[in-house]
Amino acid sequence: MDSHLIAFILEIVFSLAISAFVLHLLQPVLREMLGELCRRDSRAAFWGTFTRLMLFIAPLLVVLLLTRSVSQGELVLAVELRSTLLHALLGQFAGLLIIGKVLLNFSRHSDREIGQ
C-alpha cells in the first residue's frame, strides 16, 4: 500500500479518535445542559445530534482541507503527525466555538423568556 494513502488514512483516523474522546468528555454535561435549556426532549435531542455531528465534521474538514499526505513529496513521520494533530485540534476548536456560540445565544434567549 502506498505510504501517502496510509498517512491519509491515519490522519482521518486520528481526527475521528480525537473527536470521539472530546465527545466522550462532553456528553454527560451536554445532555444535562441541553435538557435544561431546551425544555423539550425533541429540541434537546436535535441539539445533541447537531453537537455530535459538528464535533466530528469540523475537525475532519480541517484535516481534509489542509492535508499534505496526498502530495507527491517525501513523508516525514514526525512532521505528518504534528500537522495532523494541529489540524484535528484546530477543527475541534472551530467546532467547539460554533457550538459554544449557538448554545450561548440559546441560553441568553432562554433566560430572557424566563425573566419575562
Protein backbone atom coordinates (compact mmCIF):
# COMPACT_ATOMS: atom_id res chain seq x y z
CA MET A 1 0.00 0.00 0.00
CA ASP A 2 1.24 3.49 -0.84
CA SER A 3 2.73 5.41 2.11
CA HIS A 4 0.73 8.52 1.13
CA LEU A 5 -2.52 6.58 1.34
CA ILE A 6 -1.56 5.12 4.72
CA ALA A 7 -0.70 8.61 6.02
CA PHE A 8 -4.01 9.96 4.72
CA ILE A 9 -5.99 7.16 6.38
CA LEU A 10 -4.09 7.70 9.64
CA GLU A 11 -4.92 11.42 9.53
CA ILE A 12 -8.61 10.61 9.23
CA VAL A 13 -8.49 8.00 11.99
CA PHE A 14 -6.54 10.34 14.27
CA SER A 15 -9.08 13.14 13.71
CA LEU A 16 -12.03 10.84 14.43
CA ALA A 17 -10.33 9.47 17.57
CA ILE A 18 -9.78 12.96 18.98
CA SER A 19 -13.39 13.84 18.21
CA ALA A 20 -14.64 10.70 19.95
CA PHE A 21 -12.52 11.50 23.02
CA VAL A 22 -13.79 15.10 23.24
CA LEU A 23 -17.38 13.96 22.76
CA HIS A 24 -16.93 11.32 25.47
CA LEU A 25 -15.84 14.08 27.87
CA LEU A 26 -18.64 16.47 26.94
CA GLN A 27 -21.57 14.07 26.56
CA PRO A 28 -22.79 13.83 30.19
CA VAL A 29 -22.61 17.59 30.82
CA LEU A 30 -24.02 18.42 27.40
CA ARG A 31 -27.04 16.14 27.85
CA GLU A 32 -27.91 17.76 31.18
CA MET A 33 -27.37 21.31 29.90
CA LEU A 34 -29.43 20.76 26.76
CA GLY A 35 -32.24 19.29 28.83
CA GLU A 36 -32.33 22.44 30.96
CA LEU A 37 -32.02 24.89 28.06
CA CYS A 38 -34.37 23.28 25.59
CA ARG A 39 -37.20 22.31 27.96
CA ARG A 40 -38.35 19.78 25.37
CA ASP A 41 -36.90 16.35 24.71
CA SER A 42 -37.18 16.74 20.94
CA ARG A 43 -35.23 20.02 20.97
CA ALA A 44 -32.58 18.60 23.28
CA ALA A 45 -32.25 15.55 21.00
CA PHE A 46 -31.82 17.77 17.94
CA TRP A 47 -29.14 19.95 19.54
CA GLY A 48 -27.39 16.91 20.94
CA THR A 49 -27.22 15.37 17.48
CA PHE A 50 -26.11 18.68 15.97
CA THR A 51 -23.32 18.95 18.53
CA ARG A 52 -22.10 15.40 17.95
CA LEU A 53 -22.05 15.94 14.20
CA MET A 54 -20.17 19.25 14.49
CA LEU A 55 -17.58 17.69 16.77
CA PHE A 56 -16.82 15.10 14.11
CA ILE A 57 -17.31 17.13 10.92
CA ALA A 58 -15.35 20.31 11.79
CA PRO A 59 -12.04 18.59 12.64
CA LEU A 60 -12.38 16.17 9.74
CA LEU A 61 -12.94 19.05 7.31
CA VAL A 62 -9.85 20.86 8.54
CA VAL A 63 -7.75 17.70 8.22
CA LEU A 64 -9.07 17.03 4.72
CA LEU A 65 -8.57 20.61 3.57
CA LEU A 66 -5.07 21.02 4.98
CA THR A 67 -3.63 17.54 4.46
CA ARG A 68 -0.27 17.26 2.79
CA SER A 69 -0.20 13.47 2.68
CA VAL A 70 -1.77 13.42 -0.78
CA SER A 71 1.14 15.38 -2.26
CA GLN A 72 3.94 13.56 -4.02
CA GLY A 73 6.73 14.81 -1.74
CA GLU A 74 8.60 12.73 0.80
CA LEU A 75 6.73 11.96 4.00
CA VAL A 76 8.40 12.65 7.33
CA LEU A 77 6.53 10.88 10.11
CA ALA A 78 7.10 13.49 12.84
CA VAL A 79 6.04 16.35 10.56
CA GLU A 80 2.92 14.49 9.43
CA LEU A 81 1.90 13.61 13.00
CA ARG A 82 2.41 17.19 14.11
CA SER A 83 0.38 18.61 11.25
CA THR A 84 -2.36 16.02 11.74
CA LEU A 85 -2.63 16.84 15.43
CA LEU A 86 -2.63 20.57 14.66
CA HIS A 87 -5.33 20.22 12.02
CA ALA A 88 -7.53 17.95 14.15
CA LEU A 89 -7.28 20.24 17.18
CA LEU A 90 -7.88 23.33 15.05
CA GLY A 91 -11.02 21.72 13.69
CA GLN A 92 -12.08 20.66 17.17
CA PHE A 93 -11.57 24.23 18.39
CA ALA A 94 -13.61 25.61 15.48
CA GLY A 95 -16.40 23.13 16.15
CA LEU A 96 -16.47 23.93 19.85
CA LEU A 97 -16.52 27.67 19.10
CA ILE A 98 -19.52 27.26 16.82
CA ILE A 99 -21.35 25.07 19.32
CA GLY A 100 -20.48 27.40 22.19
CA LYS A 101 -21.79 30.42 20.30
CA VAL A 102 -25.04 28.67 19.39
CA LEU A 103 -25.60 27.44 22.95
CA LEU A 104 -24.69 30.81 24.48
CA ASN A 105 -27.17 32.61 22.24
CA PHE A 106 -29.80 30.00 23.00
CA SER A 107 -29.11 30.29 26.74
CA ARG A 108 -29.44 34.09 26.67
CA HIS A 109 -32.72 33.82 24.76
CA SER A 110 -33.99 31.21 27.23
CA ASP A 111 -33.01 33.40 30.21
CA ARG A 112 -34.91 36.36 28.73
CA GLU A 113 -38.03 34.23 28.32
CA ILE A 114 -37.84 33.08 31.93
CA GLY A 115 -37.35 36.66 33.17
CA GLN A 116 -40.49 37.91 31.44
